[in-house]
């Protein structure tokens, strides 16, 4: 094993030429590998897409119309007809 390590260290001193294509492909692999490595090592977080600021816009809050989180349904106001407004 020591002999293989010494052979490897000696091979590092050699100067090698590389084409531009090989260089850019090597850099791309290193960058993409770093991104994937970072994703796997990052701590798991819970992701919230909406702000959850309590605007009660009706998404996921049931089918009734509620005011300020109370359980009492809001009564719908009747719209007056044009004849009633003329009287």
PDB file of N, CA and C in Angstrom:
ATOM      1  N   UNK A   1       0.828  -1.196   0.000  1.00  0.00           N
ATOM      2  CA  UNK A   1       0.000   0.000   0.000  1.00  0.00           C
ATOM      3  C   UNK A   1       0.869   1.256   0.000  1.00  0.00           C
ATOM      4  N   UNK A   2       1.965   1.196   0.745  1.00  0.00           N
ATOM      5  CA  UNK A   2       2.866   2.342   0.800  1.00  0.00           C
ATOM      6  C   UNK A   2       3.485   2.606  -0.575  1.00  0.00           C
ATOM      7  N   UNK A   3       3.794   1.533  -1.297  1.00  0.00           N
ATOM      8  CA  UNK A   3       4.373   1.686  -2.628  1.00  0.00           C
ATOM      9  C   UNK A   3       3.382   2.375  -3.578  1.00  0.00           C
ATOM     10  N   UNK A   4       2.104   1.997  -3.500  1.00  0.00           N
ATOM     11  CA  UNK A   4       1.081   2.637  -4.340  1.00  0.00           C
ATOM     12  C   UNK A   4       0.940   4.117  -3.999  1.00  0.00           C
ATOM     13  N   UNK A   5       1.020   4.444  -2.717  1.00  0.00           N
ATOM     14  CA  UNK A   5       0.916   5.844  -2.297  1.00  0.00           C
ATOM     15  C   UNK A   5       2.097   6.648  -2.833  1.00  0.00           C
ATOM     16  N   UNK A   6       3.298   6.095  -2.769  1.00  0.00           N
ATOM     17  CA  UNK A   6       4.473   6.798  -3.291  1.00  0.00           C
ATOM     18  C   UNK A   6       4.388   6.969  -4.799  1.00  0.00           C
ATOM     19  N   UNK A   7       3.898   5.956  -5.494  1.00  0.00           N
ATOM     20  CA  UNK A   7       3.714   6.072  -6.947  1.00  0.00           C
ATOM     21  C   UNK A   7       2.698   7.170  -7.277  1.00  0.00           C
ATOM     22  N   UNK A   8       1.641   7.242  -6.493  1.00  0.00           N
ATOM     23  CA  UNK A   8       0.620   8.275  -6.715  1.00  0.00           C
ATOM     24  C   UNK A   8       1.197   9.660  -6.476  1.00  0.00           C
ATOM     25  N   UNK A   9       1.992   9.830  -5.404  1.00  0.00           N
ATOM     26  CA  UNK A   9       2.601  11.138  -5.114  1.00  0.00           C
ATOM     27  C   UNK A   9       3.555  11.559  -6.227  1.00  0.00           C
ATOM     28  N   UNK A  10       4.286  10.622  -6.805  1.00  0.00           N
ATOM     29  CA  UNK A  10       5.207  10.945  -7.894  1.00  0.00           C
ATOM     30  C   UNK A  10       4.452  11.350  -9.155  1.00  0.00           C
ATOM     31  N   UNK A  11       3.273  10.772  -9.366  1.00  0.00           N
ATOM     32  CA  UNK A  11       2.505  11.118 -10.563  1.00  0.00           C
ATOM     33  C   UNK A  11       1.899  12.517 -10.468  1.00  0.00           C
ATOM     34  N   UNK A  12       1.781  13.064  -9.264  1.00  0.00           N
ATOM     35  CA  UNK A  12       1.220  14.405  -9.111  1.00  0.00           C
ATOM     36  C   UNK A  12       2.183  15.501  -9.556  1.00  0.00           C
ATOM     37  N   UNK A  13       3.469  15.201  -9.615  1.00  0.00           N
ATOM     38  CA  UNK A  13       4.439  16.216 -10.009  1.00  0.00           C
ATOM     39  C   UNK A  13       4.498  16.390 -11.525  1.00  0.00           C
ATOM     40  N   UNK A  14       3.954  15.457 -12.279  1.00  0.00           N
ATOM     41  CA  UNK A  14       3.976  15.568 -13.736  1.00  0.00           C
ATOM     42  C   UNK A  14       3.032  16.685 -14.189  1.00  0.00           C
ATOM     43  N   UNK A  15       3.477  17.425 -15.192  1.00  0.00           N
ATOM     44  CA  UNK A  15       2.643  18.472 -15.777  1.00  0.00           C
ATOM     45  C   UNK A  15       1.870  17.849 -16.934  1.00  0.00           C
ATOM     46  N   UNK A  16       0.545  18.034 -16.885  1.00  0.00           N
ATOM     47  CA  UNK A  16      -0.290  17.475 -17.943  1.00  0.00           C
ATOM     48  C   UNK A  16      -1.055  18.600 -18.610  1.00  0.00           C
ATOM     49  N   UNK A  17      -1.293  18.447 -19.888  1.00  0.00           N
ATOM     50  CA  UNK A  17      -2.090  19.427 -20.617  1.00  0.00           C
ATOM     51  C   UNK A  17      -3.520  18.935 -20.723  1.00  0.00           C
ATOM     52  N   UNK A  18      -4.411  19.891 -20.735  1.00  0.00           N
ATOM     53  CA  UNK A  18      -5.838  19.577 -20.786  1.00  0.00           C
ATOM     54  C   UNK A  18      -6.483  20.545 -21.773  1.00  0.00           C
ATOM     55  N   UNK A  19      -7.400  20.044 -22.561  1.00  0.00           N
ATOM     56  CA  UNK A  19      -8.080  20.925 -23.507  1.00  0.00           C
ATOM     57  C   UNK A  19      -9.088  21.799 -22.767  1.00  0.00           C
ATOM     58  N   UNK A  20      -9.522  22.855 -23.433  1.00  0.00           N
ATOM     59  CA  UNK A  20     -10.508  23.752 -22.815  1.00  0.00           C
ATOM     60  C   UNK A  20     -11.806  23.010 -22.520  1.00  0.00           C
ATOM     61  N   UNK A  21     -12.189  22.120 -23.415  1.00  0.00           N
ATOM     62  CA  UNK A  21     -13.420  21.358 -23.217  1.00  0.00           C
ATOM     63  C   UNK A  21     -13.324  20.489 -21.963  1.00  0.00           C
ATOM     64  N   UNK A  22     -12.211  19.818 -21.771  1.00  0.00           N
ATOM     65  CA  UNK A  22     -12.027  19.000 -20.570  1.00  0.00           C
ATOM     66  C   UNK A  22     -12.035  19.856 -19.306  1.00  0.00           C
ATOM     67  N   UNK A  23     -11.403  21.028 -19.395  1.00  0.00           N
ATOM     68  CA  UNK A  23     -11.358  21.923 -18.244  1.00  0.00           C
ATOM     69  C   UNK A  23     -12.756  22.380 -17.844  1.00  0.00           C
ATOM     70  N   UNK A  24     -13.555  22.834 -18.812  1.00  0.00           N
ATOM     71  CA  UNK A  24     -14.904  23.333 -18.482  1.00  0.00           C
ATOM     72  C   UNK A  24     -15.826  22.207 -18.029  1.00  0.00           C
ATOM     73  N   UNK A  25     -15.684  21.034 -18.619  1.00  0.00           N
ATOM     74  CA  UNK A  25     -16.486  19.901 -18.159  1.00  0.00           C
ATOM     75  C   UNK A  25     -16.107  19.503 -16.733  1.00  0.00           C
ATOM     76  N   UNK A  26     -14.824  19.542 -16.415  1.00  0.00           N
ATOM     77  CA  UNK A  26     -14.376  19.239 -15.050  1.00  0.00           C
ATOM     78  C   UNK A  26     -14.932  20.256 -14.065  1.00  0.00           C
ATOM     79  N   UNK A  27     -14.891  21.533 -14.442  1.00  0.00           N
ATOM     80  CA  UNK A  27     -15.421  22.585 -13.559  1.00  0.00           C
ATOM     81  C   UNK A  27     -16.934  22.434 -13.374  1.00  0.00           C
ATOM     82  N   UNK A  28     -17.650  22.092 -14.451  1.00  0.00           N
ATOM     83  CA  UNK A  28     -19.101  21.914 -14.354  1.00  0.00           C
ATOM     84  C   UNK A  28     -19.450  20.741 -13.442  1.00  0.00           C
ATOM     85  N   UNK A  29     -18.701  19.638 -13.563  1.00  0.00           N
ATOM     86  CA  UNK A  29     -18.940  18.473 -12.707  1.00  0.00           C
ATOM     87  C   UNK A  29     -18.666  18.823 -11.249  1.00  0.00           C
ATOM     88  N   UNK A  30     -17.597  19.573 -10.995  1.00  0.00           N
ATOM     89  CA  UNK A  30     -17.281  19.969  -9.614  1.00  0.00           C
ATOM     90  C   UNK A  30     -18.364  20.872  -9.024  1.00  0.00           C
ATOM     91  N   UNK A  31     -18.839  21.836  -9.791  1.00  0.00           N
ATOM     92  CA  UNK A  31     -19.880  22.750  -9.294  1.00  0.00           C
ATOM     93  C   UNK A  31     -21.185  22.009  -9.048  1.00  0.00           C
ATOM     94  N   UNK A  32     -21.625  21.205 -10.010  1.00  0.00           N
ATOM     95  CA  UNK A  32     -22.878  20.464  -9.838  1.00  0.00           C
ATOM     96  C   UNK A  32     -22.769  19.433  -8.720  1.00  0.00           C
ATOM     97  N   UNK A  33     -21.615  18.790  -8.607  1.00  0.00           N
ATOM     98  CA  UNK A  33     -21.404  17.852  -7.502  1.00  0.00           C
ATOM     99  C   UNK A  33     -21.451  18.562  -6.156  1.00  0.00           C
ATOM    100  N   UNK A  34     -20.899  19.767  -6.085  1.00  0.00           N
ATOM    101  CA  UNK A  34     -20.951  20.546  -4.850  1.00  0.00           C
ATOM    102  C   UNK A  34     -22.372  20.938  -4.480  1.00  0.00           C
ATOM    103  N   UNK A  35     -23.187  21.266  -5.471  1.00  0.00           N
ATOM    104  CA  UNK A  35     -24.588  21.614  -5.208  1.00  0.00           C
ATOM    105  C   UNK A  35     -25.330  20.404  -4.654  1.00  0.00           C
ATOM    106  N   UNK A  36     -25.163  19.256  -5.298  1.00  0.00           N
ATOM    107  CA  UNK A  36     -25.840  18.032  -4.830  1.00  0.00           C
ATOM    108  C   UNK A  36     -25.346  17.650  -3.436  1.00  0.00           C
ATOM    109  N   UNK A  37     -24.051  17.732  -3.213  1.00  0.00           N
ATOM    110  CA  UNK A  37     -23.472  17.422  -1.911  1.00  0.00           C
ATOM    111  C   UNK A  37     -24.029  18.361  -0.837  1.00  0.00           C
ATOM    112  N   UNK A  38     -24.154  19.644  -1.169  1.00  0.00           N
ATOM    113  CA  UNK A  38     -24.706  20.626  -0.230  1.00  0.00           C
ATOM    114  C   UNK A  38     -26.172  20.385   0.079  1.00  0.00           C
ATOM    115  N   UNK A  39     -26.928  19.951  -0.909  1.00  0.00           N
ATOM    116  CA  UNK A  39     -28.353  19.661  -0.683  1.00  0.00           C
ATOM    117  C   UNK A  39     -28.500  18.508   0.296  1.00  0.00           C
ATOM    118  N   UNK A  40     -27.684  17.471   0.129  1.00  0.00           N
ATOM    119  CA  UNK A  40     -27.802  16.314   1.019  1.00  0.00           C
ATOM    120  C   UNK A  40     -27.295  16.595   2.428  1.00  0.00           C
ATOM    121  N   UNK A  41     -26.354  17.503   2.578  1.00  0.00           N
ATOM    122  CA  UNK A  41     -25.813  17.791   3.909  1.00  0.00           C
ATOM    123  C   UNK A  41     -26.531  18.929   4.623  1.00  0.00           C
ATOM    124  N   UNK A  42     -27.394  19.659   3.927  1.00  0.00           N
ATOM    125  CA  UNK A  42     -28.075  20.779   4.573  1.00  0.00           C
ATOM    126  C   UNK A  42     -29.108  20.263   5.574  1.00  0.00           C
ATOM    127  N   UNK A  43     -29.342  21.029   6.649  1.00  0.00           N
ATOM    128  CA  UNK A  43     -30.339  20.590   7.625  1.00  0.00           C
ATOM    129  C   UNK A  43     -31.745  20.648   7.028  1.00  0.00           C
ATOM    130  N   UNK A  44     -32.569  19.730   7.439  1.00  0.00           N
ATOM    131  CA  UNK A  44     -33.940  19.686   6.926  1.00  0.00           C
ATOM    132  C   UNK A  44     -34.749  20.812   7.556  1.00  0.00           C
ATOM    133  N   UNK A  45     -35.476  21.531   6.720  1.00  0.00           N
ATOM    134  CA  UNK A  45     -36.289  22.649   7.180  1.00  0.00           C
ATOM    135  C   UNK A  45     -37.716  22.443   6.675  1.00  0.00           C
ATOM    136  N   UNK A  46     -38.673  22.964   7.423  1.00  0.00           N
ATOM    137  CA  UNK A  46     -40.041  22.926   6.925  1.00  0.00           C
ATOM    138  C   UNK A  46     -40.240  24.141   6.026  1.00  0.00           C
ATOM    139  N   UNK A  47     -40.817  23.915   4.883  1.00  0.00           N
ATOM    140  CA  UNK A  47     -40.993  24.968   3.894  1.00  0.00           C
ATOM    141  C   UNK A  47     -42.434  25.450   3.936  1.00  0.00           C
ATOM    142  N   UNK A  48     -42.624  26.766   4.068  1.00  0.00           N
ATOM    143  CA  UNK A  48     -43.944  27.372   4.011  1.00  0.00           C
ATOM    144  C   UNK A  48     -43.995  28.251   2.781  1.00  0.00           C
ATOM    145  N   UNK A  49     -44.910  27.939   1.875  1.00  0.00           N
ATOM    146  CA  UNK A  49     -44.991  28.700   0.641  1.00  0.00           C
ATOM    147  C   UNK A  49     -45.815  29.971   0.850  1.00  0.00           C
ATOM    148  N   UNK A  50     -46.931  29.863   1.548  1.00  0.00           N
ATOM    149  CA  UNK A  50     -47.760  31.033   1.816  1.00  0.00           C
ATOM    150  C   UNK A  50     -47.265  31.713   3.081  1.00  0.00           C
ATOM    151  N   UNK A  51     -47.708  32.941   3.313  1.00  0.00           N
ATOM    152  CA  UNK A  51     -47.210  33.686   4.464  1.00  0.00           C
ATOM    153  C   UNK A  51     -47.950  33.336   5.750  1.00  0.00           C
ATOM    154  N   UNK A  52     -49.142  32.750   5.664  1.00  0.00           N
ATOM    155  CA  UNK A  52     -49.941  32.401   6.844  1.00  0.00           C
ATOM    156  C   UNK A  52     -50.121  33.598   7.779  1.00  0.00           C
ATOM    157  N   UNK A  53     -50.493  34.738   7.215  1.00  0.00           N
ATOM    158  CA  UNK A  53     -50.633  35.934   8.016  1.00  0.00           C
ATOM    159  C   UNK A  53     -52.034  36.097   8.600  1.00  0.00           C
ATOM    160  N   UNK A  54     -52.899  35.119   8.453  1.00  0.00           N
ATOM    161  CA  UNK A  54     -54.216  35.154   9.074  1.00  0.00           C
ATOM    162  C   UNK A  54     -55.222  36.022   8.358  1.00  0.00           C
ATOM    163  N   UNK A  55     -55.141  36.140   7.057  1.00  0.00           N
ATOM    164  CA  UNK A  55     -56.097  36.988   6.351  1.00  0.00           C
ATOM    165  C   UNK A  55     -57.437  36.301   6.132  1.00  0.00           C
ATOM    166  N   UNK A  56     -57.568  35.018   6.467  1.00  0.00           N
ATOM    167  CA  UNK A  56     -58.825  34.272   6.374  1.00  0.00           C
ATOM    168  C   UNK A  56     -59.514  34.452   5.031  1.00  0.00           C
ATOM    169  N   UNK A  57     -58.805  34.164   3.970  1.00  0.00           N
ATOM    170  CA  UNK A  57     -59.381  34.346   2.645  1.00  0.00           C
ATOM    171  C   UNK A  57     -60.232  33.163   2.200  1.00  0.00           C
ATOM    172  N   UNK A  58     -60.426  32.171   3.057  1.00  0.00           N
ATOM    173  CA  UNK A  58     -61.303  31.067   2.741  1.00  0.00           C
ATOM    174  C   UNK A  58     -60.604  29.839   2.221  1.00  0.00           C
ATOM    175  N   UNK A  59     -59.340  29.919   1.905  1.00  0.00           N
ATOM    176  CA  UNK A  59     -58.622  28.739   1.422  1.00  0.00           C
ATOM    177  C   UNK A  59     -58.363  27.793   2.574  1.00  0.00           C
ATOM    178  N   UNK A  60     -59.005  26.648   2.563  1.00  0.00           N
ATOM    179  CA  UNK A  60     -58.769  25.647   3.581  1.00  0.00           C
ATOM    180  C   UNK A  60     -59.438  25.940   4.907  1.00  0.00           C
ATOM    181  N   UNK A  61     -60.300  26.932   4.979  1.00  0.00           N
ATOM    182  CA  UNK A  61     -60.917  27.271   6.260  1.00  0.00           C
ATOM    183  C   UNK A  61     -62.363  26.791   6.343  1.00  0.00           C
ATOM    184  N   UNK A  62     -62.779  25.898   5.495  1.00  0.00           N
ATOM    185  CA  UNK A  62     -64.153  25.409   5.532  1.00  0.00           C
ATOM    186  C   UNK A  62     -65.005  26.098   4.499  1.00  0.00           C
ATOM    187  N   UNK A  63     -66.306  25.809   4.562  1.00  0.00           N
ATOM    188  CA  UNK A  63     -67.182  26.351   3.530  1.00  0.00           C
ATOM    189  C   UNK A  63     -68.019  27.525   4.020  1.00  0.00           C
ATOM    190  N   UNK A  64     -67.988  27.841   5.308  1.00  0.00           N
ATOM    191  CA  UNK A  64     -68.831  28.915   5.826  1.00  0.00           C
ATOM    192  C   UNK A  64     -68.145  30.258   5.798  1.00  0.00           C
ATOM    193  N   UNK A  65     -68.954  31.320   5.952  1.00  0.00           N
ATOM    194  CA  UNK A  65     -68.413  32.668   6.055  1.00  0.00           C
ATOM    195  C   UNK A  65     -68.325  33.028   7.525  1.00  0.00           C
ATOM    196  N   UNK A  66     -67.132  33.209   8.029  1.00  0.00           N
ATOM    197  CA  UNK A  66     -66.934  33.501   9.440  1.00  0.00           C
ATOM    198  C   UNK A  66     -66.251  34.850   9.592  1.00  0.00           C
ATOM    199  N   UNK A  67     -66.508  35.498  10.709  1.00  0.00           N
ATOM    200  CA  UNK A  67     -65.901  36.789  10.977  1.00  0.00           C
ATOM    201  C   UNK A  67     -64.956  36.631  12.157  1.00  0.00           C
ATOM    202  N   UNK A  68     -63.720  37.072  12.012  1.00  0.00           N
ATOM    203  CA  UNK A  68     -62.720  37.084  13.076  1.00  0.00           C
ATOM    204  C   UNK A  68     -62.574  35.739  13.769  1.00  0.00           C
ATOM    205  N   UNK A  69     -62.673  34.662  13.052  1.00  0.00           N
ATOM    206  CA  UNK A  69     -62.466  33.347  13.621  1.00  0.00           C
ATOM    207  C   UNK A  69     -63.617  32.833  14.459  1.00  0.00           C
ATOM    208  N   UNK A  70     -64.701  33.583  14.586  1.00  0.00           N
ATOM    209  CA  UNK A  70     -65.833  33.101  15.377  1.00  0.00           C
ATOM    210  C   UNK A  70     -66.606  32.061  14.584  1.00  0.00           C
ATOM    211  N   UNK A  71     -67.365  31.270  15.283  1.00  0.00           N
ATOM    212  CA  UNK A  71     -68.112  30.195  14.643  1.00  0.00           C
ATOM    213  C   UNK A  71     -69.473  30.662  14.128  1.00  0.00           C
ATOM    214  N   UNK A  72     -69.811  31.893  14.371  1.00  0.00           N
ATOM    215  CA  UNK A  72     -71.109  32.402  13.910  1.00  0.00           C
ATOM    216  C   UNK A  72     -70.994  32.801  12.452  1.00  0.00           C
ATOM    217  N   UNK A  73     -71.869  32.271  11.648  1.00  0.00           N
ATOM    218  CA  UNK A  73     -71.846  32.569  10.217  1.00  0.00           C
ATOM    219  C   UNK A  73     -72.367  33.981   9.977  1.00  0.00           C
ATOM    220  N   UNK A  74     -71.804  34.632   9.000  1.00  0.00           N
ATOM    221  CA  UNK A  74     -72.227  35.977   8.632  1.00  0.00           C
ATOM    222  C   UNK A  74     -73.467  35.864   7.763  1.00  0.00           C
ATOM    223  N   UNK A  75     -74.490  36.632   8.089  1.00  0.00           N
ATOM    224  CA  UNK A  75     -75.703  36.616   7.269  1.00  0.00           C
ATOM    225  C   UNK A  75     -75.466  37.444   6.019  1.00  0.00           C
ATOM    226  N   UNK A  76     -75.892  36.916   4.913  1.00  0.00           N
ATOM    227  CA  UNK A  76     -75.729  37.618   3.650  1.00  0.00           C
ATOM    228  C   UNK A  76     -76.775  38.720   3.557  1.00  0.00           C
ATOM    229  N   UNK A  77     -76.336  39.909   3.168  1.00  0.00           N
ATOM    230  CA  UNK A  77     -77.272  41.020   3.010  1.00  0.00           C
ATOM    231  C   UNK A  77     -78.007  40.853   1.684  1.00  0.00           C
ATOM    232  N   UNK A  78     -79.275  41.188   1.739  1.00  0.00           N
ATOM    233  CA  UNK A  78     -80.044  41.108   0.509  1.00  0.00           C
ATOM    234  C   UNK A  78     -79.800  42.364  -0.314  1.00  0.00           C
ATOM    235  N   UNK A  79     -79.692  42.163  -1.610  1.00  0.00           N
ATOM    236  CA  UNK A  79     -79.482  43.297  -2.498  1.00  0.00           C
ATOM    237  C   UNK A  79     -80.848  43.820  -2.906  1.00  0.00           C
ATOM    238  N   UNK A  80     -81.001  45.124  -2.790  1.00  0.00           N
ATOM    239  CA  UNK A  80     -82.286  45.750  -3.115  1.00  0.00           C
ATOM    240  C   UNK A  80     -82.482  45.793  -4.621  1.00  0.00           C
ATOM    241  N   UNK A  81     -83.734  45.554  -5.033  1.00  0.00           N
ATOM    242  CA  UNK A  81     -84.067  45.647  -6.440  1.00  0.00           C
ATOM    243  C   UNK A  81     -84.136  47.129  -6.845  1.00  0.00           C
ATOM    244  N   UNK A  82     -84.106  47.354  -8.135  1.00  0.00           N
ATOM    245  CA  UNK A  82     -84.189  48.721  -8.622  1.00  0.00           C
ATOM    246  C   UNK A  82     -85.542  49.349  -8.277  1.00  0.00           C
ATOM    247  N   UNK A  83     -86.615  48.555  -8.242  1.00  0.00           N
ATOM    248  CA  UNK A  83     -87.933  49.074  -7.895  1.00  0.00           C
ATOM    249  C   UNK A  83     -87.955  49.555  -6.440  1.00  0.00           C
ATOM    250  N   UNK A  84     -87.286  48.826  -5.539  1.00  0.00           N
ATOM    251  CA  UNK A  84     -87.275  49.222  -4.127  1.00  0.00           C
ATOM    252  C   UNK A  84     -86.498  50.513  -3.922  1.00  0.00           C
ATOM    253  N   UNK A  85     -85.440  50.702  -4.680  1.00  0.00           N
ATOM    254  CA  UNK A  85     -84.644  51.926  -4.502  1.00  0.00           C
ATOM    255  C   UNK A  85     -85.366  53.136  -5.058  1.00  0.00           C
ATOM    256  N   UNK A  86     -86.260  52.962  -6.051  1.00  0.00           N
ATOM    257  CA  UNK A  86     -87.006  54.077  -6.616  1.00  0.00           C
ATOM    258  C   UNK A  86     -88.119  54.542  -5.694  1.00  0.00           C
ATOM    259  N   UNK A  87     -88.605  53.665  -4.805  1.00  0.00           N
ATOM    260  CA  UNK A  87     -89.718  54.016  -3.941  1.00  0.00           C
ATOM    261  C   UNK A  87     -89.321  54.910  -2.841  1.00  0.00           C
TER     262      UNK A  87
END
